[in-house]
Amino acid sequence: MPSFARPFYSFLPALCQSCGGARAPRFFDLAAFLFHDTFRGMLLKFLGKYRDIGVLILRLCLGILFCLHGLPKLHGGPKHWTADGHAMGLLGIHFFPVFWGFMAAVTECIGGILLVLGFAYRPVCLMLTFTMIVASVKMHHERVNFQAIASGPIEMACVCLAMAFVGPGRFSIDKD
């Protein structure tokens, strides 16, 4: 065995013992062995204690961004609401586009404020998910550049849906 390879092979007996010795070690066994009780493993475990702070940061950032994105839509008036509301026609809903555009603006602006507060959290997340799905369909229909523009609403829909499952965390008005 070459001398440079000895340090690499020196942990194999311990690795084989950690997976029971009944089979050859796999990649995930190697990863678990390397990250177990090491500095990197401890650092990652350290962050797990602050899950609620992470959810709070996510709520604050996304809530502020949604509010800032929805506020111009809300101030745009019926002309802007009608333009946004026509996106519902892509889902087969062709009546009263002013209402649907207004609801999208309210969902983004007021929903962003409610995200920051953590109030009515799960319904707001689901409404924002639906709004972002409609925006994604609209972007797809308009054939805009996917990487530059259309991927944003899809990503936000995924994040909002995941946030509905995770919950508001400890630092919110809603308590799980």
N, C-alpha and C. Protein backbone atom coordinates (compact mmCIF):
# COMPACT_ATOMS: atom_id res chain seq x y z
N MET A 1 0.86 -1.18 0.00
CA MET A 1 0.00 0.00 0.00
C MET A 1 0.90 1.24 0.00
N PRO A 2 0.59 2.21 -0.87
CA PRO A 2 1.39 3.44 -0.89
C PRO A 2 1.26 4.20 0.43
N SER A 3 2.28 4.93 0.79
CA SER A 3 2.28 5.62 2.08
C SER A 3 1.22 6.72 2.17
N PHE A 4 0.90 7.35 1.05
CA PHE A 4 -0.11 8.42 1.11
C PHE A 4 -1.51 7.85 1.34
N ALA A 5 -1.72 6.56 1.08
CA ALA A 5 -3.04 5.97 1.22
C ALA A 5 -3.27 5.39 2.62
N ARG A 6 -2.20 5.22 3.42
CA ARG A 6 -2.37 4.61 4.74
C ARG A 6 -3.35 5.37 5.64
N PRO A 7 -3.30 6.72 5.72
CA PRO A 7 -4.26 7.40 6.59
C PRO A 7 -5.70 7.17 6.16
N PHE A 8 -5.92 7.06 4.84
CA PHE A 8 -7.28 6.85 4.35
C PHE A 8 -7.80 5.48 4.75
N TYR A 9 -6.95 4.46 4.62
CA TYR A 9 -7.37 3.10 4.91
C TYR A 9 -7.35 2.78 6.39
N SER A 10 -6.78 3.63 7.22
CA SER A 10 -6.66 3.32 8.63
C SER A 10 -8.00 3.31 9.35
N PHE A 11 -9.01 4.01 8.83
CA PHE A 11 -10.30 4.02 9.52
C PHE A 11 -11.25 2.94 9.02
N LEU A 12 -10.86 2.15 8.01
CA LEU A 12 -11.77 1.14 7.46
C LEU A 12 -12.18 0.08 8.48
N PRO A 13 -11.28 -0.45 9.31
CA PRO A 13 -11.76 -1.44 10.29
C PRO A 13 -12.84 -0.87 11.22
N ALA A 14 -12.68 0.36 11.67
CA ALA A 14 -13.69 0.97 12.53
C ALA A 14 -14.98 1.21 11.77
N LEU A 15 -14.86 1.56 10.49
CA LEU A 15 -16.05 1.79 9.67
C LEU A 15 -16.81 0.50 9.44
N CYS A 16 -16.08 -0.59 9.16
CA CYS A 16 -16.74 -1.88 8.96
C CYS A 16 -17.43 -2.33 10.24
N GLN A 17 -16.82 -2.05 11.38
CA GLN A 17 -17.42 -2.41 12.65
C GLN A 17 -18.67 -1.57 12.92
N SER A 18 -18.69 -0.29 12.48
CA SER A 18 -19.84 0.58 12.72
C SER A 18 -21.05 0.16 11.91
N CYS A 19 -20.85 -0.50 10.77
CA CYS A 19 -22.00 -0.96 9.99
C CYS A 19 -22.29 -2.43 10.24
N GLY A 20 -21.74 -2.97 11.30
CA GLY A 20 -22.06 -4.34 11.70
C GLY A 20 -21.09 -5.36 11.14
N GLY A 21 -20.24 -5.00 10.24
CA GLY A 21 -19.27 -5.92 9.69
C GLY A 21 -19.86 -6.96 8.76
N ALA A 22 -21.17 -7.00 8.60
CA ALA A 22 -21.82 -8.00 7.78
C ALA A 22 -21.74 -7.68 6.30
N ARG A 23 -21.49 -6.46 5.97
CA ARG A 23 -21.44 -6.05 4.56
C ARG A 23 -20.34 -5.01 4.39
N ALA A 24 -20.00 -4.78 3.15
CA ALA A 24 -19.00 -3.76 2.87
C ALA A 24 -19.59 -2.38 3.15
N PRO A 25 -18.81 -1.45 3.66
CA PRO A 25 -19.35 -0.12 3.95
C PRO A 25 -19.77 0.60 2.68
N ARG A 26 -20.85 1.32 2.75
CA ARG A 26 -21.37 2.09 1.63
C ARG A 26 -21.02 3.56 1.84
N PHE A 27 -21.34 4.39 0.84
CA PHE A 27 -21.01 5.81 0.91
C PHE A 27 -21.65 6.48 2.12
N PHE A 28 -22.93 6.15 2.39
CA PHE A 28 -23.62 6.82 3.50
C PHE A 28 -23.05 6.37 4.85
N ASP A 29 -22.53 5.14 4.89
CA ASP A 29 -21.85 4.72 6.11
C ASP A 29 -20.59 5.55 6.32
N LEU A 30 -19.88 5.81 5.22
CA LEU A 30 -18.68 6.63 5.30
C LEU A 30 -19.01 8.05 5.76
N ALA A 31 -20.07 8.62 5.17
CA ALA A 31 -20.47 9.98 5.55
C ALA A 31 -20.89 10.03 7.02
N ALA A 32 -21.68 9.05 7.46
CA ALA A 32 -22.11 9.03 8.85
C ALA A 32 -20.91 8.85 9.79
N PHE A 33 -19.95 8.03 9.38
CA PHE A 33 -18.77 7.81 10.20
C PHE A 33 -17.94 9.08 10.33
N LEU A 34 -17.78 9.81 9.21
CA LEU A 34 -16.96 11.02 9.22
C LEU A 34 -17.63 12.16 9.98
N PHE A 35 -18.96 12.25 9.90
CA PHE A 35 -19.64 13.36 10.54
C PHE A 35 -20.04 13.06 11.99
N HIS A 36 -19.91 11.84 12.42
CA HIS A 36 -20.29 11.47 13.77
C HIS A 36 -19.24 11.97 14.76
N ASP A 37 -19.67 12.78 15.70
CA ASP A 37 -18.81 13.31 16.76
C ASP A 37 -17.58 14.03 16.24
N THR A 38 -17.72 14.72 15.15
CA THR A 38 -16.63 15.57 14.66
C THR A 38 -17.07 17.01 14.84
N PHE A 39 -16.15 17.91 14.59
CA PHE A 39 -16.47 19.33 14.73
C PHE A 39 -17.61 19.71 13.79
N ARG A 40 -17.55 19.22 12.54
CA ARG A 40 -18.60 19.57 11.58
C ARG A 40 -19.94 18.99 12.01
N GLY A 41 -19.93 17.79 12.52
CA GLY A 41 -21.17 17.19 13.00
C GLY A 41 -21.75 17.93 14.18
N MET A 42 -20.89 18.38 15.08
CA MET A 42 -21.37 19.14 16.23
C MET A 42 -21.93 20.49 15.81
N LEU A 43 -21.32 21.11 14.80
CA LEU A 43 -21.79 22.41 14.33
C LEU A 43 -23.19 22.28 13.75
N LEU A 44 -23.42 21.24 12.98
CA LEU A 44 -24.74 21.05 12.39
C LEU A 44 -25.78 20.73 13.47
N LYS A 45 -25.42 19.94 14.46
CA LYS A 45 -26.35 19.63 15.55
C LYS A 45 -26.64 20.88 16.38
N PHE A 46 -25.67 21.76 16.51
CA PHE A 46 -25.83 22.99 17.26
C PHE A 46 -26.95 23.85 16.67
N LEU A 47 -27.03 23.91 15.35
CA LEU A 47 -28.05 24.72 14.71
C LEU A 47 -29.46 24.14 14.88
N GLY A 48 -29.56 22.85 15.13
CA GLY A 48 -30.86 22.22 15.31
C GLY A 48 -31.63 22.72 16.52
N LYS A 49 -30.91 23.24 17.51
CA LYS A 49 -31.57 23.76 18.71
C LYS A 49 -32.32 25.06 18.42
N TYR A 50 -31.99 25.72 17.32
CA TYR A 50 -32.56 27.03 17.03
C TYR A 50 -33.53 26.98 15.85
N ARG A 51 -34.31 25.91 15.76
CA ARG A 51 -35.28 25.74 14.69
C ARG A 51 -36.30 26.88 14.68
N ASP A 52 -36.79 27.26 15.85
CA ASP A 52 -37.80 28.31 15.92
C ASP A 52 -37.25 29.66 15.47
N ILE A 53 -36.00 29.93 15.74
CA ILE A 53 -35.39 31.17 15.27
C ILE A 53 -35.24 31.14 13.75
N GLY A 54 -34.90 29.97 13.20
CA GLY A 54 -34.82 29.83 11.75
C GLY A 54 -36.16 30.05 11.08
N VAL A 55 -37.22 29.51 11.68
CA VAL A 55 -38.57 29.73 11.12
C VAL A 55 -38.96 31.19 11.24
N LEU A 56 -38.58 31.84 12.34
CA LEU A 56 -38.87 33.27 12.51
C LEU A 56 -38.16 34.09 11.44
N ILE A 57 -36.89 33.80 11.19
CA ILE A 57 -36.15 34.53 10.14
C ILE A 57 -36.81 34.32 8.79
N LEU A 58 -37.21 33.09 8.50
CA LEU A 58 -37.89 32.81 7.23
C LEU A 58 -39.21 33.56 7.13
N ARG A 59 -39.97 33.56 8.21
CA ARG A 59 -41.25 34.29 8.22
C ARG A 59 -41.04 35.78 8.01
N LEU A 60 -40.08 36.36 8.71
CA LEU A 60 -39.83 37.80 8.59
C LEU A 60 -39.40 38.18 7.18
N CYS A 61 -38.43 37.45 6.65
CA CYS A 61 -37.91 37.79 5.31
C CYS A 61 -38.98 37.63 4.24
N LEU A 62 -39.64 36.48 4.22
CA LEU A 62 -40.65 36.26 3.18
C LEU A 62 -41.87 37.15 3.37
N GLY A 63 -42.26 37.40 4.61
CA GLY A 63 -43.39 38.28 4.86
C GLY A 63 -43.14 39.69 4.38
N ILE A 64 -41.96 40.21 4.66
CA ILE A 64 -41.62 41.56 4.20
C ILE A 64 -41.56 41.60 2.68
N LEU A 65 -40.96 40.58 2.06
CA LEU A 65 -40.87 40.55 0.60
C LEU A 65 -42.24 40.45 -0.06
N PHE A 66 -43.12 39.60 0.49
CA PHE A 66 -44.47 39.50 -0.06
C PHE A 66 -45.22 40.82 0.10
N CYS A 67 -45.07 41.45 1.25
CA CYS A 67 -45.75 42.73 1.48
C CYS A 67 -45.25 43.80 0.50
N LEU A 68 -43.94 43.87 0.33
CA LEU A 68 -43.39 44.86 -0.61
C LEU A 68 -43.76 44.56 -2.05
N HIS A 69 -43.95 43.30 -2.37
CA HIS A 69 -44.35 42.92 -3.72
C HIS A 69 -45.84 43.16 -3.95
N GLY A 70 -46.66 42.98 -2.92
CA GLY A 70 -48.10 43.12 -3.07
C GLY A 70 -48.61 44.55 -2.90
N LEU A 71 -47.86 45.40 -2.21
CA LEU A 71 -48.30 46.77 -1.97
C LEU A 71 -48.51 47.57 -3.26
N PRO A 72 -47.60 47.52 -4.23
CA PRO A 72 -47.86 48.24 -5.49
C PRO A 72 -49.08 47.69 -6.23
N LYS A 73 -49.30 46.38 -6.11
CA LYS A 73 -50.48 45.79 -6.75
C LYS A 73 -51.75 46.31 -6.08
N LEU A 74 -51.71 46.43 -4.77
CA LEU A 74 -52.88 46.91 -4.04
C LEU A 74 -53.16 48.36 -4.37
N HIS A 75 -52.12 49.18 -4.52
CA HIS A 75 -52.29 50.59 -4.87
C HIS A 75 -52.54 50.81 -6.35
N GLY A 76 -52.39 49.76 -7.16
CA GLY A 76 -52.56 49.90 -8.60
C GLY A 76 -53.99 50.18 -9.04
N GLY A 77 -54.94 49.82 -8.20
CA GLY A 77 -56.34 50.09 -8.50
C GLY A 77 -56.95 49.07 -9.44
N PRO A 78 -58.21 49.29 -9.81
CA PRO A 78 -58.95 48.32 -10.63
C PRO A 78 -58.29 48.00 -11.97
N LYS A 79 -57.59 48.96 -12.56
CA LYS A 79 -56.93 48.69 -13.83
C LYS A 79 -55.86 47.60 -13.66
N HIS A 80 -55.06 47.73 -12.62
CA HIS A 80 -54.02 46.75 -12.34
C HIS A 80 -54.63 45.42 -11.88
N TRP A 81 -55.69 45.48 -11.08
CA TRP A 81 -56.34 44.27 -10.59
C TRP A 81 -56.94 43.47 -11.73
N THR A 82 -57.50 44.17 -12.71
CA THR A 82 -58.08 43.48 -13.86
C THR A 82 -56.99 42.75 -14.64
N ALA A 83 -55.86 43.40 -14.83
CA ALA A 83 -54.76 42.77 -15.56
C ALA A 83 -54.26 41.52 -14.83
N ASP A 84 -54.13 41.61 -13.51
CA ASP A 84 -53.69 40.45 -12.74
C ASP A 84 -54.77 39.38 -12.66
N GLY A 85 -56.03 39.81 -12.59
CA GLY A 85 -57.14 38.87 -12.46
C GLY A 85 -57.38 38.03 -13.69
N HIS A 86 -56.95 38.49 -14.86
CA HIS A 86 -57.13 37.71 -16.08
C HIS A 86 -56.32 36.42 -16.05
N ALA A 87 -55.36 36.31 -15.17
CA ALA A 87 -54.58 35.07 -15.04
C ALA A 87 -55.46 33.92 -14.58
N MET A 88 -56.53 34.20 -13.86
CA MET A 88 -57.45 33.14 -13.44
C MET A 88 -58.16 32.51 -14.65
N GLY A 89 -58.25 33.24 -15.75
CA GLY A 89 -58.83 32.69 -16.96
C GLY A 89 -58.04 31.50 -17.49
N LEU A 90 -56.75 31.45 -17.18
CA LEU A 90 -55.94 30.30 -17.59
C LEU A 90 -56.32 29.04 -16.83
N LEU A 91 -57.00 29.21 -15.71
CA LEU A 91 -57.49 28.06 -14.93
C LEU A 91 -58.96 27.77 -15.20
N GLY A 92 -59.54 28.50 -16.17
CA GLY A 92 -60.93 28.28 -16.54
C GLY A 92 -61.92 29.16 -15.79
N ILE A 93 -61.45 30.13 -15.02
CA ILE A 93 -62.33 31.03 -14.27
C ILE A 93 -62.27 32.38 -14.98
N HIS A 94 -63.32 32.70 -15.73
CA HIS A 94 -63.30 33.89 -16.57
C HIS A 94 -64.15 35.04 -16.03
N PHE A 95 -64.85 34.84 -14.94
CA PHE A 95 -65.74 35.90 -14.44
C PHE A 95 -65.04 36.78 -13.41
N PHE A 96 -65.38 38.04 -13.44
CA PHE A 96 -64.97 39.06 -12.47
C PHE A 96 -63.47 39.11 -12.21
N PRO A 97 -62.66 39.43 -13.22
CA PRO A 97 -61.20 39.46 -13.02
C PRO A 97 -60.73 40.53 -12.04
N VAL A 98 -61.54 41.61 -11.86
CA VAL A 98 -61.14 42.64 -10.90
C VAL A 98 -61.06 42.05 -9.50
N PHE A 99 -62.03 41.22 -9.15
CA PHE A 99 -62.05 40.59 -7.83
C PHE A 99 -60.83 39.70 -7.63
N TRP A 100 -60.49 38.88 -8.63
CA TRP A 100 -59.36 37.95 -8.48
C TRP A 100 -58.04 38.70 -8.41
N GLY A 101 -57.90 39.76 -9.16
CA GLY A 101 -56.69 40.58 -9.08
C GLY A 101 -56.57 41.26 -7.72
N PHE A 102 -57.70 41.76 -7.22
CA PHE A 102 -57.70 42.38 -5.89
C PHE A 102 -57.34 41.35 -4.82
N MET A 103 -57.88 40.15 -4.94
CA MET A 103 -57.58 39.10 -3.96
C MET A 103 -56.11 38.70 -3.99
N ALA A 104 -55.52 38.67 -5.20
CA ALA A 104 -54.09 38.36 -5.29
C ALA A 104 -53.27 39.44 -4.59
N ALA A 105 -53.64 40.71 -4.82
CA ALA A 105 -52.91 41.82 -4.19
C ALA A 105 -53.06 41.79 -2.67
N VAL A 106 -54.28 41.54 -2.20
CA VAL A 106 -54.52 41.47 -0.75
C VAL A 106 -53.78 40.28 -0.14
N THR A 107 -53.81 39.16 -0.84
CA THR A 107 -53.12 37.98 -0.32
C THR A 107 -51.63 38.25 -0.17
N GLU A 108 -51.03 38.90 -1.16
CA GLU A 108 -49.59 39.16 -1.07
C GLU A 108 -49.27 40.23 -0.02
N CYS A 109 -50.03 41.32 0.00
CA CYS A 109 -49.71 42.42 0.91
C CYS A 109 -50.11 42.10 2.35
N ILE A 110 -51.37 41.82 2.57
CA ILE A 110 -51.85 41.53 3.93
C ILE A 110 -51.31 40.18 4.40
N GLY A 111 -51.23 39.22 3.48
CA GLY A 111 -50.65 37.92 3.83
C GLY A 111 -49.21 38.04 4.28
N GLY A 112 -48.46 38.95 3.67
CA GLY A 112 -47.08 39.17 4.11
C GLY A 112 -47.02 39.70 5.53
N ILE A 113 -47.93 40.61 5.86
CA ILE A 113 -47.98 41.14 7.23
C ILE A 113 -48.34 40.03 8.21
N LEU A 114 -49.31 39.19 7.82
CA LEU A 114 -49.72 38.09 8.70
C LEU A 114 -48.61 37.05 8.86
N LEU A 115 -47.81 36.87 7.81
CA LEU A 115 -46.65 35.97 7.94
C LEU A 115 -45.67 36.50 8.97
N VAL A 116 -45.40 37.79 8.93
CA VAL A 116 -44.47 38.38 9.88
C VAL A 116 -44.98 38.19 11.31
N LEU A 117 -46.28 38.40 11.50
CA LEU A 117 -46.87 38.25 12.83
C LEU A 117 -47.04 36.79 13.24
N GLY A 118 -47.15 35.92 12.26
CA GLY A 118 -47.43 34.52 12.56
C GLY A 118 -48.88 34.31 12.95
N PHE A 119 -49.77 35.08 12.37
CA PHE A 119 -51.20 34.98 12.68
C PHE A 119 -51.93 34.40 11.47
N ALA A 120 -52.85 33.47 11.71
CA ALA A 120 -53.56 32.75 10.64
C ALA A 120 -52.53 32.18 9.67
N TYR A 121 -51.50 31.60 10.21
CA TYR A 121 -50.29 31.24 9.48
C TYR A 121 -50.55 30.22 8.37
N ARG A 122 -51.12 29.10 8.72
CA ARG A 122 -51.30 28.04 7.72
C ARG A 122 -52.29 28.44 6.61
N PRO A 123 -53.44 29.06 6.92
CA PRO A 123 -54.30 29.51 5.82
C PRO A 123 -53.62 30.53 4.91
N VAL A 124 -52.84 31.43 5.49
CA VAL A 124 -52.12 32.43 4.69
C VAL A 124 -51.10 31.73 3.79
N CYS A 125 -50.37 30.76 4.33
CA CYS A 125 -49.40 30.02 3.51
C CYS A 125 -50.07 29.31 2.35
N LEU A 126 -51.22 28.72 2.59
CA LEU A 126 -51.93 28.02 1.52
C LEU A 126 -52.47 29.00 0.48
N MET A 127 -52.97 30.17 0.92
CA MET A 127 -53.42 31.18 -0.04
C MET A 127 -52.26 31.71 -0.86
N LEU A 128 -51.12 31.94 -0.23
CA LEU A 128 -49.94 32.39 -0.98
C LEU A 128 -49.45 31.31 -1.94
N THR A 129 -49.55 30.06 -1.54
CA THR A 129 -49.19 28.96 -2.44
C THR A 129 -50.06 28.99 -3.69
N PHE A 130 -51.38 29.15 -3.49
CA PHE A 130 -52.30 29.20 -4.64
C PHE A 130 -52.00 30.41 -5.52
N THR A 131 -51.75 31.55 -4.90
CA THR A 131 -51.43 32.76 -5.67
C THR A 131 -50.17 32.56 -6.50
N MET A 132 -49.17 31.92 -5.92
CA MET A 132 -47.93 31.69 -6.65
C MET A 132 -48.09 30.64 -7.75
N ILE A 133 -48.98 29.68 -7.54
CA ILE A 133 -49.26 28.70 -8.60
C ILE A 133 -49.92 29.40 -9.79
N VAL A 134 -50.88 30.28 -9.52
CA VAL A 134 -51.53 31.03 -10.60
C VAL A 134 -50.50 31.92 -11.31
N ALA A 135 -49.60 32.55 -10.56
CA ALA A 135 -48.56 33.37 -11.18
C ALA A 135 -47.63 32.50 -12.04
N SER A 136 -47.34 31.29 -11.59
CA SER A 136 -46.50 30.38 -12.37
C SER A 136 -47.17 29.98 -13.67
N VAL A 137 -48.47 29.69 -13.60
CA VAL A 137 -49.21 29.34 -14.81
C VAL A 137 -49.23 30.52 -15.78
N LYS A 138 -49.41 31.72 -15.23
CA LYS A 138 -49.40 32.92 -16.07
C LYS A 138 -48.05 33.11 -16.75
N MET A 139 -46.98 32.93 -16.01
CA MET A 139 -45.64 33.06 -16.58
C MET A 139 -45.39 32.00 -17.64
N HIS A 140 -45.86 30.79 -17.39
CA HIS A 140 -45.70 29.72 -18.38
C HIS A 140 -46.48 30.04 -19.65
N HIS A 141 -47.69 30.57 -19.49
CA HIS A 141 -48.52 30.90 -20.63
C HIS A 141 -47.91 32.05 -21.45
N GLU A 142 -47.28 32.98 -20.78
CA GLU A 142 -46.66 34.11 -21.48
C GLU A 142 -45.29 33.76 -22.06
N ARG A 143 -44.82 32.55 -21.79
CA ARG A 143 -43.55 32.04 -22.32
C ARG A 143 -42.37 32.96 -22.00
N VAL A 144 -42.31 33.37 -20.75
CA VAL A 144 -41.20 34.21 -20.32
C VAL A 144 -39.99 33.33 -20.05
N ASN A 145 -38.83 33.93 -19.91
CA ASN A 145 -37.60 33.21 -19.62
C ASN A 145 -37.73 32.50 -18.28
N PHE A 146 -37.67 31.18 -18.31
CA PHE A 146 -37.90 30.40 -17.10
C PHE A 146 -36.87 30.70 -16.02
N GLN A 147 -35.59 30.70 -16.38
CA GLN A 147 -34.55 30.90 -15.38
C GLN A 147 -34.61 32.29 -14.75
N ALA A 148 -34.91 33.29 -15.55
CA ALA A 148 -34.85 34.66 -15.06
C ALA A 148 -36.11 35.07 -14.30
N ILE A 149 -37.27 34.66 -14.78
CA ILE A 149 -38.51 35.20 -14.23
C ILE A 149 -39.46 34.12 -13.71
N ALA A 150 -39.73 33.11 -14.51
CA ALA A 150 -40.80 32.16 -14.19
C ALA A 150 -40.48 31.24 -13.02
N SER A 151 -39.22 31.02 -12.72
CA SER A 151 -38.91 30.11 -11.63
C SER A 151 -39.21 30.72 -10.26
N GLY A 152 -39.26 32.04 -10.15
CA GLY A 152 -39.52 32.69 -8.87
C GLY A 152 -40.86 32.30 -8.24
N PRO A 153 -41.98 32.42 -8.97
CA PRO A 153 -43.25 32.01 -8.37
C PRO A 153 -43.32 30.52 -8.05
N ILE A 154 -42.67 29.69 -8.85
CA ILE A 154 -42.67 28.25 -8.55
C ILE A 154 -41.92 27.99 -7.25
N GLU A 155 -40.78 28.64 -7.09
CA GLU A 155 -40.00 28.47 -5.86
C GLU A 155 -40.78 28.98 -4.65
N MET A 156 -41.44 30.13 -4.79
CA MET A 156 -42.22 30.67 -3.68
C MET A 156 -43.40 29.78 -3.33
N ALA A 157 -44.03 29.17 -4.35
CA ALA A 157 -45.13 28.23 -4.08
C ALA A 157 -44.63 27.05 -3.28
N CYS A 158 -43.47 26.53 -3.64
CA CYS A 158 -42.90 25.39 -2.90
C CYS A 158 -42.56 25.79 -1.47
N VAL A 159 -41.96 26.96 -1.29
CA VAL A 159 -41.59 27.42 0.05
C VAL A 159 -42.83 27.64 0.91
N CYS A 160 -43.85 28.28 0.35
CA CYS A 160 -45.08 28.54 1.11
C CYS A 160 -45.79 27.24 1.49
N LEU A 161 -45.79 26.27 0.58
CA LEU A 161 -46.41 24.99 0.90
C LEU A 161 -45.64 24.29 2.02
N ALA A 162 -44.32 24.31 1.94
CA ALA A 162 -43.52 23.70 3.00
C ALA A 162 -43.72 24.42 4.33
N MET A 163 -43.84 25.75 4.29
CA MET A 163 -44.06 26.51 5.52
C MET A 163 -45.41 26.17 6.15
N ALA A 164 -46.40 25.85 5.33
CA ALA A 164 -47.70 25.44 5.87
C ALA A 164 -47.57 24.14 6.67
N PHE A 165 -46.69 23.25 6.22
CA PHE A 165 -46.49 21.99 6.95
C PHE A 165 -45.63 22.19 8.19
N VAL A 166 -44.63 23.05 8.13
CA VAL A 166 -43.71 23.25 9.24
C VAL A 166 -44.39 23.96 10.40
N GLY A 167 -45.20 24.95 10.12
CA GLY A 167 -45.88 25.71 11.16
C GLY A 167 -45.15 27.00 11.47
N PRO A 168 -45.78 27.86 12.29
CA PRO A 168 -45.23 29.20 12.53
C PRO A 168 -44.07 29.25 13.51
N GLY A 169 -43.85 28.21 14.27
CA GLY A 169 -42.78 28.24 15.26
C GLY A 169 -43.26 28.85 16.57
N ARG A 170 -42.36 28.88 17.52
CA ARG A 170 -42.69 29.34 18.87
C ARG A 170 -42.92 30.84 18.95
N PHE A 171 -42.20 31.61 18.12
CA PHE A 171 -42.27 33.07 18.19
C PHE A 171 -43.34 33.60 17.23
N SER A 172 -44.59 33.32 17.52
CA SER A 172 -45.68 33.77 16.65
C SER A 172 -46.94 33.94 17.49
N ILE A 173 -47.93 34.59 16.89
CA ILE A 173 -49.21 34.74 17.57
C ILE A 173 -49.94 33.40 17.62
N ASP A 174 -49.93 32.69 16.50
CA ASP A 174 -50.52 31.33 16.48
C ASP A 174 -49.63 30.39 17.28
N LYS A 175 -50.24 29.56 18.05
CA LYS A 175 -49.49 28.53 18.78
C LYS A 175 -49.96 27.18 18.28
N ASP A 176 -49.00 26.34 17.92
CA ASP A 176 -49.34 25.00 17.41
C ASP A 176 -49.91 24.14 18.51
